[in-house]
Amino acid sequence: MIDEREKEKNIKDLEYNHILNKQNIFVIILGTAVISTILGDKIPENITKGGLILAFILGIILSLLHYSKELNDKIEEIKKI
């Protein structure tokens, strides 16, 4: 029989995996946007490719920082169980 502690740990593990999946999906989407920008020829003239790529890369870095903080918080919760 699974006791209450194991059940809580399993739920926290699932939450951790969910956050990790969100991070991966977000980074893949932004990475795809970077590649599309590099390969795209129909970008409006008032937007530069370099600026757009820089914005996407900044988004990737910020999302990695945000999600890594959430993941570290979840790891600490799991360790306390």
C-alpha atoms as a PDB file:
ATOM      1  CA  MET A   1       0.000   0.000   0.000  1.00  0.00           C
ATOM      2  CA  ILE A   2       1.212   3.489  -0.834  1.00  0.00           C
ATOM      3  CA  ASP A   3       1.376   5.739   2.168  1.00  0.00           C
ATOM      4  CA  GLU A   4       0.549   9.447   2.146  1.00  0.00           C
ATOM      5  CA  ARG A   5       4.215  10.474   1.908  1.00  0.00           C
ATOM      6  CA  GLU A   6       4.875   8.412  -1.208  1.00  0.00           C
ATOM      7  CA  LYS A   7       1.705   9.681  -2.800  1.00  0.00           C
ATOM      8  CA  GLU A   8       2.746  13.300  -2.176  1.00  0.00           C
ATOM      9  CA  LYS A   9       6.224  12.629  -3.569  1.00  0.00           C
ATOM     10  CA  ASN A  10       4.728  11.082  -6.707  1.00  0.00           C
ATOM     11  CA  ILE A  11       2.502  14.120  -7.206  1.00  0.00           C
ATOM     12  CA  LYS A  12       5.480  16.472  -6.788  1.00  0.00           C
ATOM     13  CA  ASP A  13       7.481  14.359  -9.264  1.00  0.00           C
ATOM     14  CA  LEU A  14       4.647  14.676 -11.778  1.00  0.00           C
ATOM     15  CA  GLU A  15       4.532  18.444 -11.233  1.00  0.00           C
ATOM     16  CA  TYR A  16       8.301  18.585 -11.787  1.00  0.00           C
ATOM     17  CA  ASN A  17       7.965  16.640 -15.041  1.00  0.00           C
ATOM     18  CA  HIS A  18       5.140  18.910 -16.163  1.00  0.00           C
ATOM     19  CA  ILE A  19       7.265  22.025 -15.618  1.00  0.00           C
ATOM     20  CA  LEU A  20      10.175  20.380 -17.452  1.00  0.00           C
ATOM     21  CA  ASN A  21       7.907  19.524 -20.389  1.00  0.00           C
ATOM     22  CA  LYS A  22       6.605  23.111 -20.558  1.00  0.00           C
ATOM     23  CA  GLN A  23      10.179  24.396 -20.589  1.00  0.00           C
ATOM     24  CA  ASN A  24      11.201  22.038 -23.379  1.00  0.00           C
ATOM     25  CA  ILE A  25       8.164  22.860 -25.511  1.00  0.00           C
ATOM     26  CA  PHE A  26       8.683  26.604 -25.083  1.00  0.00           C
ATOM     27  CA  VAL A  27      12.370  26.406 -26.012  1.00  0.00           C
ATOM     28  CA  ILE A  28      11.597  24.225 -29.048  1.00  0.00           C
ATOM     29  CA  ILE A  29       8.968  26.703 -30.252  1.00  0.00           C
ATOM     30  CA  LEU A  30      11.347  29.645 -29.876  1.00  0.00           C
ATOM     31  CA  GLY A  31      14.171  27.671 -31.520  1.00  0.00           C
ATOM     32  CA  THR A  32      11.887  26.905 -34.433  1.00  0.00           C
ATOM     33  CA  ALA A  33      11.058  30.606 -34.661  1.00  0.00           C
ATOM     34  CA  VAL A  34      14.774  31.427 -34.829  1.00  0.00           C
ATOM     35  CA  ILE A  35      15.340  28.914 -37.618  1.00  0.00           C
ATOM     36  CA  SER A  36      12.259  30.150 -39.482  1.00  0.00           C
ATOM     37  CA  THR A  37      13.520  33.722 -39.195  1.00  0.00           C
ATOM     38  CA  ILE A  38      16.914  32.758 -40.545  1.00  0.00           C
ATOM     39  CA  LEU A  39      15.382  30.876 -43.473  1.00  0.00           C
ATOM     40  CA  GLY A  40      12.464  33.263 -44.069  1.00  0.00           C
ATOM     41  CA  ASP A  41      12.545  35.747 -46.922  1.00  0.00           C
ATOM     42  CA  LYS A  42       9.223  37.491 -46.346  1.00  0.00           C
ATOM     43  CA  ILE A  43      10.010  39.429 -43.185  1.00  0.00           C
ATOM     44  CA  PRO A  44       8.699  43.011 -43.261  1.00  0.00           C
ATOM     45  CA  GLU A  45      11.357  45.566 -44.127  1.00  0.00           C
ATOM     46  CA  ASN A  46      10.900  47.545 -40.914  1.00  0.00           C
ATOM     47  CA  ILE A  47      11.930  44.489 -38.848  1.00  0.00           C
ATOM     48  CA  THR A  48      15.529  43.328 -39.107  1.00  0.00           C
ATOM     49  CA  LYS A  49      16.401  39.650 -39.024  1.00  0.00           C
ATOM     50  CA  GLY A  50      19.135  40.259 -36.480  1.00  0.00           C
ATOM     51  CA  GLY A  51      16.804  42.088 -34.114  1.00  0.00           C
ATOM     52  CA  LEU A  52      14.158  39.399 -34.401  1.00  0.00           C
ATOM     53  CA  ILE A  53      16.675  36.613 -33.809  1.00  0.00           C
ATOM     54  CA  LEU A  54      18.104  38.505 -30.831  1.00  0.00           C
ATOM     55  CA  ALA A  55      14.603  38.878 -29.358  1.00  0.00           C
ATOM     56  CA  PHE A  56      13.934  35.143 -29.752  1.00  0.00           C
ATOM     57  CA  ILE A  57      17.289  34.197 -28.220  1.00  0.00           C
ATOM     58  CA  LEU A  58      16.626  36.552 -25.321  1.00  0.00           C
ATOM     59  CA  GLY A  59      13.234  34.861 -24.910  1.00  0.00           C
ATOM     60  CA  ILE A  60      14.928  31.457 -24.819  1.00  0.00           C
ATOM     61  CA  ILE A  61      17.408  32.582 -22.163  1.00  0.00           C
ATOM     62  CA  LEU A  62      14.728  34.218 -20.018  1.00  0.00           C
ATOM     63  CA  SER A  63      12.441  31.184 -20.266  1.00  0.00           C
ATOM     64  CA  LEU A  64      15.282  28.851 -19.292  1.00  0.00           C
ATOM     65  CA  LEU A  65      16.046  31.021 -16.272  1.00  0.00           C
ATOM     66  CA  HIS A  66      12.386  31.209 -15.272  1.00  0.00           C
ATOM     67  CA  TYR A  67      11.729  27.487 -15.605  1.00  0.00           C
ATOM     68  CA  SER A  68      15.015  26.498 -13.954  1.00  0.00           C
ATOM     69  CA  LYS A  69      13.978  28.523 -10.897  1.00  0.00           C
ATOM     70  CA  GLU A  70      10.608  26.742 -10.832  1.00  0.00           C
ATOM     71  CA  LEU A  71      12.338  23.378 -11.227  1.00  0.00           C
ATOM     72  CA  ASN A  72      14.776  24.127  -8.395  1.00  0.00           C
ATOM     73  CA  ASP A  73      11.884  25.128  -6.133  1.00  0.00           C
ATOM     74  CA  LYS A  74      10.112  21.864  -6.971  1.00  0.00           C
ATOM     75  CA  ILE A  75      13.294  19.868  -6.265  1.00  0.00           C
ATOM     76  CA  GLU A  76      13.533  21.498  -2.841  1.00  0.00           C
ATOM     77  CA  GLU A  77       9.896  20.571  -2.131  1.00  0.00           C
ATOM     78  CA  ILE A  78      10.573  16.965  -3.162  1.00  0.00           C
ATOM     79  CA  LYS A  79      13.679  16.781  -0.944  1.00  0.00           C
ATOM     80  CA  LYS A  80      11.645  17.953   2.055  1.00  0.00           C
ATOM     81  CA  ILE A  81       9.183  15.086   1.687  1.00  0.00           C
END
